[in-house]
Amino acid sequence: MTARKAQSWEDFKREAFGGRTETIGGVTVRVPTDMPLVLEDLAGNLSAESRAEDFDEVVTLLYGDGVFQQWVAAGMGAAELMTALMWGMVQATGRDITFMEAYDLVMSDDPGKALAMPANRAARRAASKKPSASTGGPSKRTSSASTASARTRSRA
């Protein structure tokens, strides 16, 4: 067996989550590859009435210290900022989208749906069930007692 070399957490993060960069608003940033746990709550509370400090906190979590101030100094507008945030948050969920797709999501009626994690199999099945004709609700599984075979011997 080959001995494994000890690795620091920072080295592990660079190796596991990549070091891809992108230039946004004249600033080279690391592409987010994981969603900081606190980010969903912070981003969900942002609105047109939010203070600059609130946006700074979200940008810092996604892209690093000082990026927000550099974007402001470069003249970035509100739609550009929201597009950069949307792009980064979607990237952090593991989906690779373009900046135009992020902009379209920002301008859509429900930008929050882009950040929803893909549903598990049970949730997808529940969402696709059609209502039953008699009650309007989803059909229920028939119990095995009512569909069980009365056969007492095997066919072999």
N, C-alpha and C. Protein backbone atom coordinates (compact mmCIF):
# COMPACT_ATOMS: atom_id res chain seq x y z
N MET A 1 0.85 -1.17 0.00
CA MET A 1 0.00 0.00 0.00
C MET A 1 0.89 1.23 0.00
N THR A 2 0.54 2.23 -0.78
CA THR A 2 1.31 3.46 -0.89
C THR A 2 0.85 4.44 0.18
N ALA A 3 1.80 5.03 0.88
CA ALA A 3 1.45 6.02 1.90
C ALA A 3 0.97 7.30 1.23
N ARG A 4 -0.06 7.91 1.80
CA ARG A 4 -0.60 9.15 1.25
C ARG A 4 0.04 10.34 1.95
N LYS A 5 0.35 11.33 1.19
CA LYS A 5 0.95 12.54 1.71
C LYS A 5 -0.13 13.36 2.44
N ALA A 6 0.22 13.91 3.59
CA ALA A 6 -0.71 14.77 4.33
C ALA A 6 -1.02 16.00 3.49
N GLN A 7 -2.26 16.45 3.57
CA GLN A 7 -2.70 17.57 2.75
C GLN A 7 -3.42 18.58 3.63
N SER A 8 -3.16 19.85 3.44
CA SER A 8 -3.87 20.87 4.21
C SER A 8 -5.29 21.02 3.67
N TRP A 9 -6.15 21.62 4.47
CA TRP A 9 -7.53 21.85 4.04
C TRP A 9 -7.57 22.76 2.82
N GLU A 10 -6.76 23.81 2.82
CA GLU A 10 -6.74 24.75 1.70
C GLU A 10 -6.28 24.06 0.41
N ASP A 11 -5.26 23.19 0.52
CA ASP A 11 -4.81 22.43 -0.65
C ASP A 11 -5.91 21.51 -1.15
N PHE A 12 -6.60 20.86 -0.21
CA PHE A 12 -7.72 19.98 -0.57
C PHE A 12 -8.80 20.78 -1.31
N LYS A 13 -9.19 21.94 -0.78
CA LYS A 13 -10.23 22.75 -1.41
C LYS A 13 -9.84 23.14 -2.82
N ARG A 14 -8.60 23.57 -3.02
CA ARG A 14 -8.15 23.95 -4.36
C ARG A 14 -8.24 22.76 -5.31
N GLU A 15 -7.83 21.59 -4.82
CA GLU A 15 -7.83 20.40 -5.67
C GLU A 15 -9.25 19.90 -5.94
N ALA A 16 -10.07 19.83 -4.91
CA ALA A 16 -11.41 19.27 -5.05
C ALA A 16 -12.39 20.22 -5.72
N PHE A 17 -12.29 21.51 -5.43
CA PHE A 17 -13.27 22.45 -5.91
C PHE A 17 -12.75 23.35 -7.03
N GLY A 18 -11.56 23.10 -7.45
CA GLY A 18 -11.03 23.80 -8.61
C GLY A 18 -10.55 25.20 -8.35
N GLY A 19 -9.86 25.71 -9.31
CA GLY A 19 -9.33 27.04 -9.20
C GLY A 19 -9.66 27.86 -10.43
N ARG A 20 -10.74 27.53 -11.12
CA ARG A 20 -11.14 28.26 -12.32
C ARG A 20 -11.46 29.71 -11.97
N THR A 21 -11.02 30.62 -12.81
CA THR A 21 -11.30 32.03 -12.57
C THR A 21 -12.06 32.62 -13.76
N GLU A 22 -12.68 33.76 -13.50
CA GLU A 22 -13.42 34.50 -14.52
C GLU A 22 -13.22 35.98 -14.22
N THR A 23 -13.23 36.81 -15.24
CA THR A 23 -13.13 38.25 -15.03
C THR A 23 -14.53 38.84 -15.14
N ILE A 24 -14.96 39.49 -14.05
CA ILE A 24 -16.28 40.12 -13.99
C ILE A 24 -16.07 41.57 -13.57
N GLY A 25 -16.55 42.47 -14.38
CA GLY A 25 -16.42 43.89 -14.07
C GLY A 25 -14.98 44.33 -13.89
N GLY A 26 -14.09 43.72 -14.65
CA GLY A 26 -12.68 44.08 -14.59
C GLY A 26 -11.92 43.44 -13.44
N VAL A 27 -12.58 42.59 -12.67
CA VAL A 27 -11.95 41.95 -11.52
C VAL A 27 -11.89 40.45 -11.77
N THR A 28 -10.72 39.85 -11.62
CA THR A 28 -10.60 38.40 -11.77
C THR A 28 -11.00 37.75 -10.45
N VAL A 29 -12.01 36.87 -10.54
CA VAL A 29 -12.55 36.19 -9.35
C VAL A 29 -12.51 34.68 -9.56
N ARG A 30 -12.50 33.96 -8.45
CA ARG A 30 -12.57 32.50 -8.51
C ARG A 30 -14.04 32.13 -8.74
N VAL A 31 -14.29 31.20 -9.65
CA VAL A 31 -15.67 30.76 -9.93
C VAL A 31 -16.14 29.94 -8.73
N PRO A 32 -17.27 30.33 -8.11
CA PRO A 32 -17.77 29.59 -6.96
C PRO A 32 -18.15 28.16 -7.34
N THR A 33 -17.74 27.21 -6.50
CA THR A 33 -18.05 25.81 -6.77
C THR A 33 -18.82 25.16 -5.63
N ASP A 34 -19.10 25.93 -4.58
CA ASP A 34 -19.84 25.40 -3.46
C ASP A 34 -20.62 26.55 -2.84
N MET A 35 -21.84 26.29 -2.43
CA MET A 35 -22.70 27.33 -1.87
C MET A 35 -22.44 27.48 -0.38
N PRO A 36 -21.91 28.64 0.05
CA PRO A 36 -21.75 28.86 1.49
C PRO A 36 -23.12 28.72 2.17
N LEU A 37 -23.16 28.03 3.29
CA LEU A 37 -24.43 27.72 3.93
C LEU A 37 -25.24 28.95 4.30
N VAL A 38 -24.60 30.01 4.69
CA VAL A 38 -25.30 31.22 5.10
C VAL A 38 -25.78 32.05 3.90
N LEU A 39 -25.28 31.74 2.72
CA LEU A 39 -25.56 32.57 1.55
C LEU A 39 -27.03 32.59 1.15
N GLU A 40 -27.70 31.45 1.21
CA GLU A 40 -29.12 31.43 0.80
C GLU A 40 -29.95 32.39 1.63
N ASP A 41 -29.72 32.41 2.95
CA ASP A 41 -30.48 33.33 3.81
C ASP A 41 -30.16 34.77 3.48
N LEU A 42 -28.88 35.08 3.33
CA LEU A 42 -28.49 36.47 3.03
C LEU A 42 -29.02 36.92 1.68
N ALA A 43 -28.84 36.10 0.66
CA ALA A 43 -29.29 36.47 -0.69
C ALA A 43 -30.80 36.59 -0.76
N GLY A 44 -31.50 35.74 -0.02
CA GLY A 44 -32.96 35.79 -0.02
C GLY A 44 -33.52 37.06 0.57
N ASN A 45 -32.72 37.74 1.38
CA ASN A 45 -33.18 38.97 2.02
C ASN A 45 -32.81 40.23 1.24
N LEU A 46 -32.09 40.08 0.12
CA LEU A 46 -31.70 41.25 -0.67
C LEU A 46 -32.87 41.78 -1.48
N SER A 47 -32.95 43.07 -1.58
CA SER A 47 -33.97 43.71 -2.41
C SER A 47 -33.42 45.06 -2.87
N ALA A 48 -34.20 45.79 -3.64
CA ALA A 48 -33.77 47.11 -4.12
C ALA A 48 -33.54 48.07 -2.95
N GLU A 49 -34.17 47.81 -1.82
CA GLU A 49 -34.03 48.67 -0.65
C GLU A 49 -32.86 48.28 0.24
N SER A 50 -32.18 47.19 -0.07
CA SER A 50 -31.07 46.72 0.76
C SER A 50 -29.91 47.72 0.73
N ARG A 51 -29.15 47.73 1.81
CA ARG A 51 -27.99 48.60 1.93
C ARG A 51 -26.82 47.99 1.16
N ALA A 52 -25.88 48.84 0.80
CA ALA A 52 -24.68 48.38 0.07
C ALA A 52 -23.92 47.33 0.89
N GLU A 53 -23.91 47.47 2.21
CA GLU A 53 -23.20 46.52 3.07
C GLU A 53 -23.78 45.11 2.94
N ASP A 54 -25.09 45.02 2.71
CA ASP A 54 -25.72 43.71 2.55
C ASP A 54 -25.23 43.04 1.27
N PHE A 55 -25.13 43.80 0.20
CA PHE A 55 -24.62 43.25 -1.06
C PHE A 55 -23.14 42.91 -0.93
N ASP A 56 -22.40 43.75 -0.23
CA ASP A 56 -20.97 43.51 -0.01
C ASP A 56 -20.77 42.16 0.68
N GLU A 57 -21.58 41.87 1.66
CA GLU A 57 -21.45 40.60 2.40
C GLU A 57 -21.67 39.39 1.49
N VAL A 58 -22.67 39.47 0.63
CA VAL A 58 -22.97 38.37 -0.29
C VAL A 58 -21.86 38.21 -1.32
N VAL A 59 -21.40 39.33 -1.89
CA VAL A 59 -20.33 39.29 -2.88
C VAL A 59 -19.06 38.71 -2.24
N THR A 60 -18.77 39.11 -1.02
CA THR A 60 -17.58 38.60 -0.32
C THR A 60 -17.67 37.10 -0.13
N LEU A 61 -18.83 36.59 0.24
CA LEU A 61 -18.99 35.15 0.42
C LEU A 61 -18.77 34.39 -0.88
N LEU A 62 -19.25 34.95 -1.99
CA LEU A 62 -19.11 34.27 -3.28
C LEU A 62 -17.74 34.46 -3.92
N TYR A 63 -17.25 35.70 -3.90
CA TYR A 63 -16.08 36.04 -4.71
C TYR A 63 -14.85 36.48 -3.94
N GLY A 64 -14.99 36.83 -2.68
CA GLY A 64 -13.83 37.23 -1.89
C GLY A 64 -13.86 38.68 -1.45
N ASP A 65 -12.97 39.00 -0.52
CA ASP A 65 -12.88 40.35 0.05
C ASP A 65 -12.49 41.39 -1.01
N GLY A 66 -13.13 42.55 -0.91
CA GLY A 66 -12.76 43.67 -1.75
C GLY A 66 -13.36 43.69 -3.15
N VAL A 67 -13.96 42.61 -3.58
CA VAL A 67 -14.50 42.54 -4.94
C VAL A 67 -15.66 43.52 -5.12
N PHE A 68 -16.56 43.58 -4.15
CA PHE A 68 -17.71 44.48 -4.27
C PHE A 68 -17.24 45.93 -4.43
N GLN A 69 -16.29 46.36 -3.61
CA GLN A 69 -15.80 47.73 -3.70
C GLN A 69 -15.15 48.00 -5.06
N GLN A 70 -14.45 47.02 -5.61
CA GLN A 70 -13.84 47.19 -6.93
C GLN A 70 -14.92 47.32 -8.00
N TRP A 71 -16.00 46.54 -7.88
CA TRP A 71 -17.09 46.64 -8.85
C TRP A 71 -17.77 47.99 -8.77
N VAL A 72 -18.01 48.47 -7.55
CA VAL A 72 -18.65 49.78 -7.37
C VAL A 72 -17.75 50.86 -7.97
N ALA A 73 -16.46 50.81 -7.69
CA ALA A 73 -15.52 51.80 -8.21
C ALA A 73 -15.46 51.78 -9.73
N ALA A 74 -15.69 50.60 -10.33
CA ALA A 74 -15.67 50.48 -11.79
C ALA A 74 -16.99 50.91 -12.42
N GLY A 75 -17.99 51.26 -11.59
CA GLY A 75 -19.26 51.75 -12.12
C GLY A 75 -20.29 50.68 -12.41
N MET A 76 -20.16 49.51 -11.80
CA MET A 76 -21.13 48.44 -12.03
C MET A 76 -22.52 48.88 -11.58
N GLY A 77 -23.52 48.60 -12.40
CA GLY A 77 -24.90 48.95 -12.08
C GLY A 77 -25.63 47.83 -11.37
N ALA A 78 -26.85 48.11 -10.96
CA ALA A 78 -27.65 47.15 -10.20
C ALA A 78 -27.94 45.87 -10.98
N ALA A 79 -28.33 46.00 -12.26
CA ALA A 79 -28.63 44.80 -13.05
C ALA A 79 -27.38 43.96 -13.27
N GLU A 80 -26.24 44.63 -13.47
CA GLU A 80 -24.99 43.89 -13.62
C GLU A 80 -24.64 43.16 -12.34
N LEU A 81 -24.79 43.84 -11.20
CA LEU A 81 -24.48 43.22 -9.91
C LEU A 81 -25.37 42.01 -9.68
N MET A 82 -26.65 42.16 -9.92
CA MET A 82 -27.58 41.04 -9.70
C MET A 82 -27.25 39.88 -10.65
N THR A 83 -26.84 40.20 -11.87
CA THR A 83 -26.45 39.15 -12.83
C THR A 83 -25.21 38.41 -12.34
N ALA A 84 -24.21 39.17 -11.86
CA ALA A 84 -22.99 38.54 -11.34
C ALA A 84 -23.29 37.67 -10.13
N LEU A 85 -24.19 38.14 -9.26
CA LEU A 85 -24.57 37.34 -8.09
C LEU A 85 -25.32 36.08 -8.51
N MET A 86 -26.28 36.22 -9.42
CA MET A 86 -27.04 35.06 -9.88
C MET A 86 -26.11 34.04 -10.53
N TRP A 87 -25.23 34.50 -11.40
CA TRP A 87 -24.30 33.60 -12.07
C TRP A 87 -23.46 32.85 -11.04
N GLY A 88 -22.93 33.57 -10.06
CA GLY A 88 -22.10 32.93 -9.04
C GLY A 88 -22.87 31.94 -8.19
N MET A 89 -24.10 32.30 -7.81
CA MET A 89 -24.88 31.39 -6.97
C MET A 89 -25.26 30.12 -7.73
N VAL A 90 -25.61 30.26 -9.01
CA VAL A 90 -25.94 29.08 -9.81
C VAL A 90 -24.69 28.22 -10.02
N GLN A 91 -23.56 28.86 -10.29
CA GLN A 91 -22.30 28.12 -10.41
C GLN A 91 -22.04 27.34 -9.12
N ALA A 92 -22.31 27.96 -7.98
CA ALA A 92 -22.06 27.33 -6.68
C ALA A 92 -22.94 26.11 -6.44
N THR A 93 -24.09 26.03 -7.14
CA THR A 93 -24.94 24.85 -7.00
C THR A 93 -24.49 23.71 -7.90
N GLY A 94 -23.47 23.97 -8.72
CA GLY A 94 -22.94 22.92 -9.59
C GLY A 94 -23.39 23.00 -11.03
N ARG A 95 -24.19 24.00 -11.36
CA ARG A 95 -24.64 24.17 -12.75
C ARG A 95 -23.79 25.22 -13.42
N ASP A 96 -23.33 24.94 -14.61
CA ASP A 96 -22.52 25.90 -15.36
C ASP A 96 -23.44 26.64 -16.33
N ILE A 97 -23.65 27.94 -16.08
CA ILE A 97 -24.50 28.74 -16.97
C ILE A 97 -23.70 29.91 -17.51
N THR A 98 -24.23 30.52 -18.55
CA THR A 98 -23.59 31.70 -19.13
C THR A 98 -24.07 32.95 -18.40
N PHE A 99 -23.37 34.05 -18.63
CA PHE A 99 -23.81 35.31 -18.04
C PHE A 99 -25.16 35.74 -18.61
N MET A 100 -25.41 35.46 -19.89
CA MET A 100 -26.70 35.81 -20.49
C MET A 100 -27.83 35.01 -19.84
N GLU A 101 -27.58 33.73 -19.58
CA GLU A 101 -28.60 32.93 -18.89
C GLU A 101 -28.85 33.47 -17.49
N ALA A 102 -27.80 33.90 -16.80
CA ALA A 102 -27.96 34.48 -15.47
C ALA A 102 -28.76 35.78 -15.55
N TYR A 103 -28.48 36.60 -16.55
CA TYR A 103 -29.23 37.84 -16.74
C TYR A 103 -30.71 37.54 -17.00
N ASP A 104 -30.98 36.56 -17.85
CA ASP A 104 -32.37 36.18 -18.13
C ASP A 104 -33.08 35.73 -16.85
N LEU A 105 -32.37 35.00 -15.99
CA LEU A 105 -32.97 34.57 -14.72
C LEU A 105 -33.26 35.77 -13.82
N VAL A 106 -32.34 36.72 -13.77
CA VAL A 106 -32.54 37.92 -12.95
C VAL A 106 -33.77 38.68 -13.42
N MET A 107 -33.97 38.75 -14.72
CA MET A 107 -35.09 39.49 -15.28
C MET A 107 -36.39 38.69 -15.33
N SER A 108 -36.34 37.40 -14.97
CA SER A 108 -37.53 36.55 -15.03
C SER A 108 -38.46 36.84 -13.86
N ASP A 109 -39.65 36.25 -13.93
CA ASP A 109 -40.64 36.43 -12.87
C ASP A 109 -40.24 35.75 -11.57
N ASP A 110 -39.46 34.65 -11.64
CA ASP A 110 -39.10 33.90 -10.44
C ASP A 110 -37.62 33.52 -10.46
N PRO A 111 -36.74 34.49 -10.19
CA PRO A 111 -35.32 34.17 -10.24
C PRO A 111 -34.89 33.15 -9.19
N GLY A 112 -35.64 33.01 -8.11
CA GLY A 112 -35.28 32.06 -7.06
C GLY A 112 -35.31 30.61 -7.48
N LYS A 113 -36.11 30.29 -8.50
CA LYS A 113 -36.20 28.88 -8.92
C LYS A 113 -34.90 28.38 -9.52
N ALA A 114 -34.06 29.28 -10.01
CA ALA A 114 -32.78 28.85 -10.58
C ALA A 114 -31.85 28.31 -9.52
N LEU A 115 -32.04 28.75 -8.28
CA LEU A 115 -31.15 28.33 -7.21
C LEU A 115 -31.62 27.06 -6.53
N ALA A 116 -32.84 26.63 -6.84
CA ALA A 116 -33.35 25.42 -6.21
C ALA A 116 -32.49 24.23 -6.63
N MET A 117 -32.15 23.43 -5.66
CA MET A 117 -31.37 22.23 -5.94
C MET A 117 -32.27 21.26 -6.70
N PRO A 118 -31.70 20.44 -7.57
CA PRO A 118 -32.52 19.48 -8.29
C PRO A 118 -33.27 18.59 -7.30
N ALA A 119 -34.54 18.36 -7.57
CA ALA A 119 -35.37 17.56 -6.67
C ALA A 119 -34.93 16.10 -6.67
N ASN A 120 -35.13 15.45 -5.52
CA ASN A 120 -34.81 14.03 -5.50
C ASN A 120 -35.92 13.26 -6.20
N ARG A 121 -35.73 11.99 -6.38
CA ARG A 121 -36.67 11.19 -7.16
C ARG A 121 -38.08 11.23 -6.59
N ALA A 122 -38.22 11.13 -5.28
CA ALA A 122 -39.54 11.12 -4.66
C ALA A 122 -40.25 12.46 -4.90
N ALA A 123 -39.52 13.56 -4.80
CA ALA A 123 -40.13 14.87 -5.01
C ALA A 123 -40.56 15.05 -6.46
N ARG A 124 -39.73 14.57 -7.41
CA ARG A 124 -40.10 14.67 -8.82
C ARG A 124 -41.34 13.85 -9.10
N ARG A 125 -41.42 12.66 -8.52
CA ARG A 125 -42.60 11.80 -8.75
C ARG A 125 -43.85 12.43 -8.16
N ALA A 126 -43.73 12.99 -6.95
CA ALA A 126 -44.89 13.61 -6.31
C ALA A 126 -45.38 14.80 -7.12
N ALA A 127 -44.47 15.56 -7.68
CA ALA A 127 -44.85 16.73 -8.46
C ALA A 127 -45.52 16.34 -9.77
N SER A 128 -45.21 15.17 -10.30
CA SER A 128 -45.75 14.78 -11.60
C SER A 128 -47.04 13.97 -11.50
N LYS A 129 -47.49 13.64 -10.27
CA LYS A 129 -48.72 12.86 -10.14
C LYS A 129 -49.92 13.68 -10.57
N LYS A 130 -50.77 13.07 -11.34
CA LYS A 130 -51.99 13.71 -11.80
C LYS A 130 -53.09 13.46 -10.76
N PRO A 131 -54.00 14.42 -10.58
CA PRO A 131 -55.09 14.20 -9.64
C PRO A 131 -56.02 13.09 -10.14
N SER A 132 -56.60 12.35 -9.20
CA SER A 132 -57.53 11.31 -9.60
C SER A 132 -58.83 11.96 -10.07
N ALA A 133 -59.54 11.28 -10.94
CA ALA A 133 -60.75 11.84 -11.54
C ALA A 133 -61.86 12.04 -10.52
N SER A 134 -62.02 11.15 -9.56
CA SER A 134 -63.16 11.24 -8.65
C SER A 134 -62.97 12.27 -7.54
N THR A 135 -61.79 12.41 -6.99
CA THR A 135 -61.61 13.30 -5.84
C THR A 135 -60.86 14.57 -6.15
N GLY A 136 -60.14 14.60 -7.25
CA GLY A 136 -59.32 15.76 -7.56
C GLY A 136 -57.96 15.70 -6.91
N GLY A 137 -57.75 14.75 -6.01
CA GLY A 137 -56.46 14.60 -5.34
C GLY A 137 -55.63 13.54 -6.03
N PRO A 138 -54.38 13.39 -5.61
CA PRO A 138 -53.55 12.35 -6.22
C PRO A 138 -54.07 10.97 -5.88
N SER A 139 -53.91 10.06 -6.80
CA SER A 139 -54.34 8.69 -6.57
C SER A 139 -53.49 8.06 -5.49
N LYS A 140 -54.09 7.19 -4.71
CA LYS A 140 -53.37 6.50 -3.65
C LYS A 140 -53.03 5.09 -4.11
N ARG A 141 -51.94 4.57 -3.59
CA ARG A 141 -51.51 3.22 -3.92
C ARG A 141 -52.53 2.22 -3.40
N THR A 142 -52.83 1.22 -4.20
CA THR A 142 -53.72 0.15 -3.78
C THR A 142 -52.98 -0.75 -2.81
N SER A 143 -53.62 -1.14 -1.72
CA SER A 143 -52.93 -1.96 -0.73
C SER A 143 -52.64 -3.34 -1.30
N SER A 144 -51.60 -3.97 -0.81
CA SER A 144 -51.22 -5.29 -1.30
C SER A 144 -52.26 -6.34 -0.89
N ALA A 145 -53.01 -6.08 0.17
CA ALA A 145 -54.03 -7.04 0.60
C ALA A 145 -55.15 -7.15 -0.44
N SER A 146 -55.50 -6.05 -1.07
CA SER A 146 -56.60 -6.10 -2.03
C SER A 146 -56.15 -6.59 -3.40
N THR A 147 -54.87 -6.65 -3.63
CA THR A 147 -54.38 -7.11 -4.93
C THR A 147 -53.59 -8.41 -4.82
N ALA A 148 -53.52 -8.96 -3.62
CA ALA A 148 -52.73 -10.18 -3.43
C ALA A 148 -53.38 -11.36 -4.13
N SER A 149 -52.57 -12.26 -4.57
CA SER A 149 -53.05 -13.46 -5.25
C SER A 149 -53.58 -14.45 -4.24
N ALA A 150 -54.61 -15.16 -4.59
CA ALA A 150 -55.18 -16.19 -3.72
C ALA A 150 -54.48 -17.52 -3.91
N ARG A 151 -53.51 -17.60 -4.80
CA ARG A 151 -52.79 -18.82 -5.10
C ARG A 151 -52.08 -19.33 -3.84
N THR A 152 -52.21 -20.60 -3.55
CA THR A 152 -51.61 -21.17 -2.36
C THR A 152 -50.41 -22.05 -2.69
N ARG A 153 -50.23 -22.42 -3.97
CA ARG A 153 -49.11 -23.25 -4.36
C ARG A 153 -48.28 -22.54 -5.40
N SER A 154 -47.02 -22.88 -5.46
CA SER A 154 -46.18 -22.27 -6.48
C SER A 154 -46.42 -22.98 -7.80
N ARG A 155 -46.02 -22.37 -8.87
CA ARG A 155 -46.21 -22.93 -10.20
C ARG A 155 -45.18 -23.99 -10.53
N ALA A 156 -44.13 -24.07 -9.82
CA ALA A 156 -43.06 -25.00 -10.14
C ALA A 156 -43.41 -26.43 -10.01
